[in-house]
């Protein structure tokens, strides 16, 4: 098994750093033994600590330009990994804040007008996408076409007779209700809610026009580059009238942007793929804190005028516009800014809290980095046939202990 990843980027969505592989709380609490999730987390961490062969890839393959500004960006990102940015790093990052002053990036340039913005908050992403679609249609002289989802209520599971009811401790379960049917008034409310109010981020209604940037939200077919996070533009669509009398999308044709490989469907241009409507069980969250499950039938894509820091992972962006004011930690800062391929087109929208990227990272993350550096050194010695027999063992701890005793 080969693992590839970067602990300097974002931890898991659920549990954050407390559920990361390097966290000291995984497997050390009572929940690890009494809950299925805790047991799975403990088993996963135990498997991870059996890995004793590590190769750290150190060459920066994303930022290849060698100007003075690019060197400053690379140094700032390297320090940001450890939450150890210097005053010089912070000063350089602040020099990339957009404005009208001399030397500041100018967001009014045409090349930045329809570029996607990375932000940490989903509600900001939804609003930027909404406004971006209106702006794109105006700039291209088109009219936005709005299409609606087909929503169906979910029937609750019938409890068996004589089965004692378990007292729910979950706040989510306590504030959950089921819809017997979806009235026109409720349906209108569900359509108006932004995508981030449901757990799968599937829009109730979506407005599109030809050429508009979009992002696929579901792994339709990985072998055909129809994967979650893949970017593209609208090349066309097929629609019909739904049961509520509103237009619904049957198929959206998307021209993929820089796919890993060329894709050719019969009767379609090169790299144009069809996205079809599919049913998905989702939880809708209301402002009151209550939630309800429904089945939403919709083509799973979103306008791509903004994306979250999580969605940006793995991307290389020649133009990288970011809003890091609300990034919660140095890992979020690093994820947003490390997408850049050059410093000149890295633009920060507003000022930020430098305390989040200075000081030091958590002790468990620093320990993980130290262990991986040692394992990388041990692997290098083994490759050069300079490692004595008996150093590498079945687990990380025993390998590092034997190595320290040898050294």
Protein backbone atom coordinates (compact mmCIF):
# COMPACT_ATOMS: atom_id res chain seq x y z
CA UNK A 1 0.00 0.00 0.00
CA UNK A 2 1.30 3.46 -0.91
CA UNK A 3 -0.03 6.49 0.99
CA UNK A 4 0.33 10.00 -0.44
CA UNK A 5 -0.57 13.14 1.46
CA UNK A 6 0.51 16.25 3.31
CA UNK A 7 -0.23 16.81 6.99
CA UNK A 8 0.46 20.54 6.52
CA UNK A 9 -2.85 20.73 4.68
CA UNK A 10 -6.31 20.46 6.18
CA UNK A 11 -7.24 17.79 8.74
CA UNK A 12 -10.42 15.70 8.31
CA UNK A 13 -13.69 17.63 8.03
CA UNK A 14 -15.25 15.66 10.89
CA UNK A 15 -13.30 15.99 14.12
CA UNK A 16 -10.65 18.32 12.64
CA UNK A 17 -7.20 17.80 14.20
CA UNK A 18 -8.64 15.60 16.98
CA UNK A 19 -9.42 12.90 14.39
CA UNK A 20 -6.21 13.24 12.35
CA UNK A 21 -3.78 10.32 12.17
CA UNK A 22 -1.20 12.25 14.18
CA UNK A 23 -3.61 13.27 16.94
CA UNK A 24 -2.79 12.08 20.43
CA UNK A 25 -6.48 11.80 21.31
CA UNK A 26 -7.15 9.03 18.76
CA UNK A 27 -7.24 5.70 20.58
CA UNK A 28 -6.63 7.26 23.99
CA UNK A 29 -10.18 8.02 25.13
CA UNK A 30 -13.04 5.92 26.44
CA UNK A 31 -14.93 6.50 23.19
CA UNK A 32 -12.22 4.57 21.35
CA UNK A 33 -13.39 1.38 23.05
CA UNK A 34 -17.13 2.04 23.41
CA UNK A 35 -18.06 3.43 19.98
CA UNK A 36 -17.68 1.94 16.52
CA UNK A 37 -16.24 5.17 15.16
CA UNK A 38 -13.68 5.30 17.97
CA UNK A 39 -12.68 1.70 17.34
CA UNK A 40 -12.25 2.33 13.61
CA UNK A 41 -10.14 5.43 14.33
CA UNK A 42 -7.91 3.48 16.71
CA UNK A 43 -7.47 0.66 14.18
CA UNK A 44 -6.64 3.19 11.45
CA UNK A 45 -3.99 4.86 13.57
CA UNK A 46 -2.50 1.48 14.50
CA UNK A 47 -2.22 0.61 10.80
CA UNK A 48 -0.64 3.99 10.06
CA UNK A 49 2.03 3.40 12.70
CA UNK A 50 3.05 0.18 10.94
CA UNK A 51 4.37 2.28 8.05
CA UNK A 52 8.16 2.52 8.36
CA UNK A 53 9.18 3.43 4.80
CA UNK A 54 8.80 7.14 4.05
CA UNK A 55 9.91 9.25 1.09
CA UNK A 56 9.42 13.01 1.44
CA UNK A 57 9.12 14.78 -1.92
CA UNK A 58 10.89 18.11 -1.44
CA UNK A 59 10.99 19.65 -4.90
CA UNK A 60 8.33 22.32 -5.42
CA UNK A 61 6.54 21.26 -8.60
CA UNK A 62 3.87 23.97 -8.44
CA UNK A 63 5.93 27.18 -8.17
CA UNK A 64 8.63 26.96 -10.81
CA UNK A 65 9.27 30.68 -11.46
CA UNK A 66 12.46 32.00 -9.84
CA UNK A 67 11.78 35.72 -9.34
CA UNK A 68 12.53 37.40 -6.01
CA UNK A 69 8.82 37.54 -5.21
CA UNK A 70 8.39 33.83 -5.92
CA UNK A 71 11.30 32.97 -3.63
CA UNK A 72 9.61 34.96 -0.86
CA UNK A 73 6.35 33.09 -1.48
CA UNK A 74 8.08 29.71 -1.33
CA UNK A 75 9.85 30.64 1.92
CA UNK A 76 6.62 31.91 3.47
CA UNK A 77 4.81 28.69 2.54
CA UNK A 78 7.62 26.54 3.93
CA UNK A 79 7.45 28.38 7.25
CA UNK A 80 3.66 28.33 7.20
CA UNK A 81 3.66 24.54 7.20
CA UNK A 82 4.99 24.67 10.75
CA UNK A 83 3.11 27.83 11.76
CA UNK A 84 6.47 29.56 11.96
CA UNK A 85 6.12 32.54 9.60
CA UNK A 86 8.51 35.41 10.28
CA UNK A 87 7.79 39.14 10.22
CA UNK A 88 9.28 39.23 6.71
CA UNK A 89 6.90 36.47 5.58
CA UNK A 90 3.88 38.34 6.95
CA UNK A 91 5.04 41.59 5.34
CA UNK A 92 5.36 39.86 1.97
CA UNK A 93 1.90 38.28 2.25
CA UNK A 94 0.38 41.66 3.11
CA UNK A 95 2.03 43.11 0.00
CA UNK A 96 -0.24 40.78 -2.00
CA UNK A 97 -3.46 42.28 -0.58
CA UNK A 98 -5.53 43.79 -3.39
CA UNK A 99 -5.91 47.56 -3.49
CA UNK A 100 -5.44 50.74 -5.47
CA UNK A 101 -2.12 51.77 -3.94
CA UNK A 102 1.25 51.57 -5.71
CA UNK A 103 2.50 48.01 -6.04
CA UNK A 104 -0.79 46.45 -4.87
CA UNK A 105 -2.50 43.82 -7.05
CA UNK A 106 -5.27 45.34 -9.18
CA UNK A 107 -8.40 43.18 -9.13
CA UNK A 108 -10.03 45.29 -11.84
CA UNK A 109 -7.84 43.74 -14.53
CA UNK A 110 -9.90 41.69 -17.02
CA UNK A 111 -7.90 38.49 -16.44
CA UNK A 112 -9.12 38.35 -12.82
CA UNK A 113 -12.79 39.10 -13.48
CA UNK A 114 -14.22 35.59 -13.59
CA UNK A 115 -11.54 33.69 -11.68
CA UNK A 116 -12.67 31.46 -8.82
CA UNK A 117 -11.99 32.71 -5.28
CA UNK A 118 -10.87 30.39 -2.47
CA UNK A 119 -12.62 31.11 0.82
CA UNK A 120 -12.93 29.27 4.12
CA UNK A 121 -16.69 29.72 4.63
CA UNK A 122 -19.36 27.88 2.65
CA UNK A 123 -21.91 30.69 2.96
CA UNK A 124 -19.41 33.11 1.39
CA UNK A 125 -18.80 30.61 -1.39
CA UNK A 126 -22.54 30.34 -2.11
CA UNK A 127 -23.01 34.12 -2.27
CA UNK A 128 -19.95 34.66 -4.48
CA UNK A 129 -21.20 31.94 -6.84
CA UNK A 130 -24.64 33.57 -6.97
CA UNK A 131 -23.25 37.01 -7.77
CA UNK A 132 -20.62 35.59 -10.10
CA UNK A 133 -23.24 33.86 -12.25
CA UNK A 134 -25.16 37.13 -12.63
CA UNK A 135 -21.96 38.99 -13.51
CA UNK A 136 -20.87 36.35 -16.04
CA UNK A 137 -24.24 36.38 -17.82
CA UNK A 138 -24.16 40.20 -17.99
CA UNK A 139 -20.60 40.29 -19.33
CA UNK A 140 -21.34 37.70 -22.01
CA UNK A 141 -24.71 39.16 -23.02
CA UNK A 142 -26.67 36.06 -22.02
CA UNK A 143 -29.73 35.36 -19.91
CA UNK A 144 -29.41 33.02 -16.96
CA UNK A 145 -31.63 29.94 -17.10
CA UNK A 146 -32.76 28.68 -13.69
CA UNK A 147 -33.45 25.00 -13.10
CA UNK A 148 -34.97 23.39 -10.01
CA UNK A 149 -34.53 20.14 -8.12
CA UNK A 150 -37.17 17.47 -7.59
CA UNK A 151 -37.46 16.96 -3.84
CA UNK A 152 -39.20 14.04 -2.16
CA UNK A 153 -39.88 13.39 1.55
CA UNK A 154 -38.08 10.56 3.33
CA UNK A 155 -40.24 7.99 5.11
CA UNK A 156 -38.91 7.36 8.65
CA UNK A 157 -37.97 3.84 9.62
CA UNK A 158 -40.72 1.97 11.45
CA UNK A 159 -39.65 0.94 14.95
CA UNK A 160 -40.26 -2.67 15.85
CA UNK A 161 -42.83 -3.38 18.52
CA UNK A 162 -41.63 -4.18 22.05
CA UNK A 163 -38.23 -2.74 21.18
CA UNK A 164 -37.07 -0.31 23.87
CA UNK A 165 -36.44 3.18 22.59
CA UNK A 166 -32.87 4.40 22.94
CA UNK A 167 -32.49 7.81 24.42
CA UNK A 168 -30.71 9.87 21.80
CA UNK A 169 -27.81 11.95 22.99
CA UNK A 170 -27.14 13.48 19.60
CA UNK A 171 -28.22 17.08 19.21
CA UNK A 172 -28.74 16.38 15.52
CA UNK A 173 -31.20 13.59 16.32
CA UNK A 174 -33.04 15.69 18.91
CA UNK A 175 -33.70 18.48 16.40
CA UNK A 176 -34.67 16.31 13.44
CA UNK A 177 -38.15 16.02 11.95
CA UNK A 178 -39.71 14.28 8.94
CA UNK A 179 -41.92 15.80 6.27
CA UNK A 180 -45.03 13.77 5.43
CA UNK A 181 -45.32 15.70 2.19
CA UNK A 182 -43.75 18.76 0.63
CA UNK A 183 -46.27 21.55 0.14
CA UNK A 184 -45.70 24.27 -2.49
CA UNK A 185 -44.78 26.74 0.26
CA UNK A 186 -42.24 24.36 1.83
CA UNK A 187 -40.88 23.44 -1.60
CA UNK A 188 -40.32 27.10 -2.42
CA UNK A 189 -38.44 27.50 0.86
CA UNK A 190 -36.29 24.43 0.14
CA UNK A 191 -35.39 25.77 -3.30
CA UNK A 192 -34.37 29.14 -1.88
CA UNK A 193 -31.93 27.68 0.65
CA UNK A 194 -28.27 27.92 -0.46
CA UNK A 195 -26.36 24.68 -1.18
CA UNK A 196 -24.33 24.87 2.04
CA UNK A 197 -27.48 24.36 4.13
CA UNK A 198 -27.50 20.66 3.21
CA UNK A 199 -24.82 18.13 4.02
CA UNK A 200 -24.12 17.22 0.37
CA UNK A 201 -24.10 20.81 -0.95
CA UNK A 202 -26.60 19.99 -3.71
CA UNK A 203 -28.43 23.14 -4.87
CA UNK A 204 -32.21 23.40 -4.82
CA UNK A 205 -32.01 25.63 -7.86
CA UNK A 206 -29.12 26.54 -10.11
CA UNK A 207 -28.80 29.28 -12.74
CA UNK A 208 -26.53 28.66 -15.73
CA UNK A 209 -25.63 29.91 -19.19
CA UNK A 210 -23.27 28.76 -21.92
CA UNK A 211 -19.57 29.00 -21.11
CA UNK A 212 -20.13 29.53 -17.38
CA UNK A 213 -17.45 28.01 -15.11
CA UNK A 214 -18.73 25.07 -13.05
CA UNK A 215 -17.37 22.41 -10.70
CA UNK A 216 -18.48 18.77 -10.55
CA UNK A 217 -19.63 17.79 -7.05
CA UNK A 218 -19.82 14.00 -7.37
CA UNK A 219 -17.56 11.18 -8.55
CA UNK A 220 -19.62 10.20 -11.59
CA UNK A 221 -16.84 8.21 -13.29
CA UNK A 222 -13.22 8.56 -12.21
CA UNK A 223 -11.91 6.79 -15.31
CA UNK A 224 -13.62 9.46 -17.46
CA UNK A 225 -12.33 12.40 -15.36
CA UNK A 226 -15.87 13.06 -14.08
CA UNK A 227 -14.71 13.44 -10.50
CA UNK A 228 -15.58 15.60 -7.52
CA UNK A 229 -13.74 18.91 -7.78
CA UNK A 230 -13.12 18.71 -11.55
CA UNK A 231 -13.57 22.13 -13.14
CA UNK A 232 -15.12 22.92 -16.50
CA UNK A 233 -17.53 25.15 -18.40
CA UNK A 234 -21.14 24.65 -19.48
CA UNK A 235 -21.28 23.44 -23.09
CA UNK A 236 -25.04 22.78 -23.20
CA UNK A 237 -27.93 21.04 -21.46
CA UNK A 238 -31.17 19.11 -21.90
CA UNK A 239 -34.15 20.02 -19.72
CA UNK A 240 -37.81 19.25 -19.14
CA UNK A 241 -40.68 20.35 -16.92
CA UNK A 242 -40.74 18.74 -13.48
CA UNK A 243 -43.73 17.62 -11.39
CA UNK A 244 -43.95 21.06 -9.74
CA UNK A 245 -44.23 22.80 -13.09
CA UNK A 246 -40.68 24.14 -12.95
CA UNK A 247 -37.87 23.47 -15.45
CA UNK A 248 -35.48 20.72 -14.34
CA UNK A 249 -32.14 19.64 -15.76
CA UNK A 250 -31.95 16.18 -17.29
CA UNK A 251 -28.38 16.43 -18.59
CA UNK A 252 -25.68 19.09 -18.42
CA UNK A 253 -22.80 18.89 -20.89
CA UNK A 254 -19.55 20.14 -19.38
CA UNK A 255 -16.33 20.92 -21.22
CA UNK A 256 -13.62 19.74 -18.81
CA UNK A 257 -10.81 22.15 -17.92
CA UNK A 258 -7.36 20.58 -18.15
CA UNK A 259 -8.48 16.98 -17.48
CA UNK A 260 -5.79 14.43 -16.52
CA UNK A 261 -6.46 12.68 -19.83
CA UNK A 262 -8.53 13.32 -22.93
CA UNK A 263 -12.12 12.06 -22.82
CA UNK A 264 -14.17 11.29 -25.92
CA UNK A 265 -17.88 10.43 -25.79
CA UNK A 266 -19.65 9.32 -28.93
CA UNK A 267 -21.38 12.22 -30.72
CA UNK A 268 -19.82 14.75 -28.29
CA UNK A 269 -16.80 17.05 -28.79
CA UNK A 270 -13.48 16.16 -27.18
CA UNK A 271 -13.47 16.50 -23.37
CA UNK A 272 -17.20 17.24 -23.19
CA UNK A 273 -18.92 14.95 -20.68
CA UNK A 274 -22.61 14.50 -19.75
CA UNK A 275 -23.72 14.97 -16.14
CA UNK A 276 -27.12 13.46 -15.43
CA UNK A 277 -29.71 13.96 -12.73
CA UNK A 278 -29.42 11.53 -9.84
CA UNK A 279 -31.26 11.07 -6.51
CA UNK A 280 -29.33 11.77 -3.31
CA UNK A 281 -30.40 11.55 0.33
CA UNK A 282 -29.55 14.83 2.05
CA UNK A 283 -30.17 16.60 5.35
CA UNK A 284 -31.53 20.13 5.07
CA UNK A 285 -30.59 22.46 7.94
CA UNK A 286 -32.80 25.44 8.75
CA UNK A 287 -31.86 28.68 10.49
CA UNK A 288 -33.69 27.50 13.61
CA UNK A 289 -31.26 24.59 14.01
CA UNK A 290 -33.81 21.95 13.00
CA UNK A 291 -33.06 19.59 10.12
CA UNK A 292 -35.05 17.26 7.91
CA UNK A 293 -34.01 14.47 5.53
CA UNK A 294 -35.22 14.56 1.93
CA UNK A 295 -34.29 12.92 -1.36
CA UNK A 296 -33.10 15.52 -3.85
CA UNK A 297 -33.00 14.78 -7.58
CA UNK A 298 -30.55 17.17 -9.21
CA UNK A 299 -27.48 17.26 -11.45
CA UNK A 300 -24.59 17.51 -9.00
CA UNK A 301 -22.52 20.53 -9.96
CA UNK A 302 -22.11 24.13 -8.79
CA UNK A 303 -21.06 27.41 -10.37
CA UNK A 304 -17.31 27.86 -9.97
CA UNK A 305 -16.76 31.48 -9.06
CA UNK A 306 -15.74 30.43 -5.55
CA UNK A 307 -14.61 27.27 -3.77
CA UNK A 308 -13.72 26.37 -0.20
CA UNK A 309 -10.24 25.62 1.06
CA UNK A 310 -11.16 21.92 1.23
CA UNK A 311 -12.31 21.88 -2.42
CA UNK A 312 -9.10 23.60 -3.54
CA UNK A 313 -6.82 20.82 -2.27
CA UNK A 314 -4.77 19.23 -5.04
CA UNK A 315 -5.27 22.08 -7.52
CA UNK A 316 -2.64 24.22 -9.23
CA UNK A 317 -3.91 27.72 -10.00
CA UNK A 318 -2.02 30.12 -12.31
CA UNK A 319 -4.30 32.86 -10.93
CA UNK A 320 -4.92 32.35 -7.22
CA UNK A 321 -7.36 34.78 -5.57
CA UNK A 322 -7.94 33.95 -1.90
CA UNK A 323 -9.89 35.29 1.04
CA UNK A 324 -7.93 34.09 4.07
CA UNK A 325 -9.48 36.47 6.60
CA UNK A 326 -11.66 33.68 8.01
CA UNK A 327 -9.20 30.79 7.74
CA UNK A 328 -9.28 29.02 11.13
CA UNK A 329 -5.63 27.90 11.32
CA UNK A 330 -2.26 27.79 9.59
CA UNK A 331 -3.22 24.62 7.69
CA UNK A 332 -6.11 26.46 6.04
CA UNK A 333 -3.81 29.41 5.21
CA UNK A 334 -1.26 27.02 3.70
CA UNK A 335 -3.86 25.13 1.66
CA UNK A 336 -5.25 28.34 0.13
CA UNK A 337 -1.93 30.01 -0.67
CA UNK A 338 0.00 26.93 -1.79
CA UNK A 339 -2.31 26.54 -4.81
CA UNK A 340 -0.41 29.39 -6.49
CA UNK A 341 1.94 28.71 -9.37
CA UNK A 342 3.44 32.22 -9.21
CA UNK A 343 3.56 35.11 -6.76
CA UNK A 344 2.58 37.79 -9.27
CA UNK A 345 -0.93 36.37 -9.71
CA UNK A 346 -1.45 35.49 -6.04
CA UNK A 347 -3.98 37.97 -4.67
CA UNK A 348 -5.29 38.23 -1.10
CA UNK A 349 -8.65 39.99 -0.88
CA UNK A 350 -8.37 41.52 2.59
CA UNK A 351 -6.19 41.72 5.68
CA UNK A 352 -5.74 38.67 7.91
CA UNK A 353 -4.79 37.67 11.44
CA UNK A 354 -1.06 36.91 11.37
CA UNK A 355 -1.24 35.20 14.79
CA UNK A 356 -2.66 32.12 13.04
CA UNK A 357 0.53 31.57 11.02
CA UNK A 358 3.10 32.58 13.64
CA UNK A 359 4.17 30.91 16.86
CA UNK A 360 4.23 27.15 16.52
CA UNK A 361 2.06 24.25 15.38
CA UNK A 362 0.45 21.79 17.78
CA UNK A 363 2.79 19.41 19.59
CA UNK A 364 1.31 16.33 17.93
CA UNK A 365 1.75 17.79 14.44
CA UNK A 366 5.35 18.77 15.17
CA UNK A 367 5.99 15.26 16.50
CA UNK A 368 4.54 13.77 13.31
CA UNK A 369 6.80 15.93 11.15
CA UNK A 370 9.86 14.91 13.22
CA UNK A 371 9.00 11.22 12.95
CA UNK A 372 8.46 11.44 9.19
CA UNK A 373 11.78 13.25 8.72
CA UNK A 374 13.59 10.48 10.63
CA UNK A 375 11.79 7.74 8.70
CA UNK A 376 12.69 9.49 5.45
CA UNK A 377 16.35 9.53 6.54
CA UNK A 378 16.17 5.84 7.51
CA UNK A 379 14.61 4.97 4.13
CA UNK A 380 17.41 6.85 2.36
CA UNK A 381 20.05 4.91 4.31
CA UNK A 382 18.31 1.65 3.45
CA UNK A 383 18.25 2.57 -0.24
CA UNK A 384 22.01 3.23 -0.11
CA UNK A 385 22.62 -0.06 1.76
CA UNK A 386 23.97 1.88 4.75
CA UNK A 387 21.33 0.78 7.28
CA UNK A 388 22.31 -2.10 9.60
CA UNK A 389 20.01 -5.11 9.82
CA UNK A 390 17.48 -5.02 12.61
CA UNK A 391 16.81 -1.26 12.55
CA UNK A 392 13.58 -1.42 10.57
CA UNK A 393 10.90 -3.19 12.57
CA UNK A 394 7.16 -3.84 12.42
CA UNK A 395 6.12 -0.49 13.86
CA UNK A 396 7.22 3.12 13.71
CA UNK A 397 8.01 3.33 17.42
CA UNK A 398 10.28 0.30 17.48
CA UNK A 399 12.03 1.42 14.28
CA UNK A 400 12.76 4.89 15.64
CA UNK A 401 13.88 3.48 18.98
CA UNK A 402 16.32 1.08 17.32
CA UNK A 403 17.62 3.88 15.06
CA UNK A 404 18.26 6.23 18.00
CA UNK A 405 20.09 3.49 19.89
CA UNK A 406 22.24 2.80 16.83
CA UNK A 407 23.05 6.48 16.33
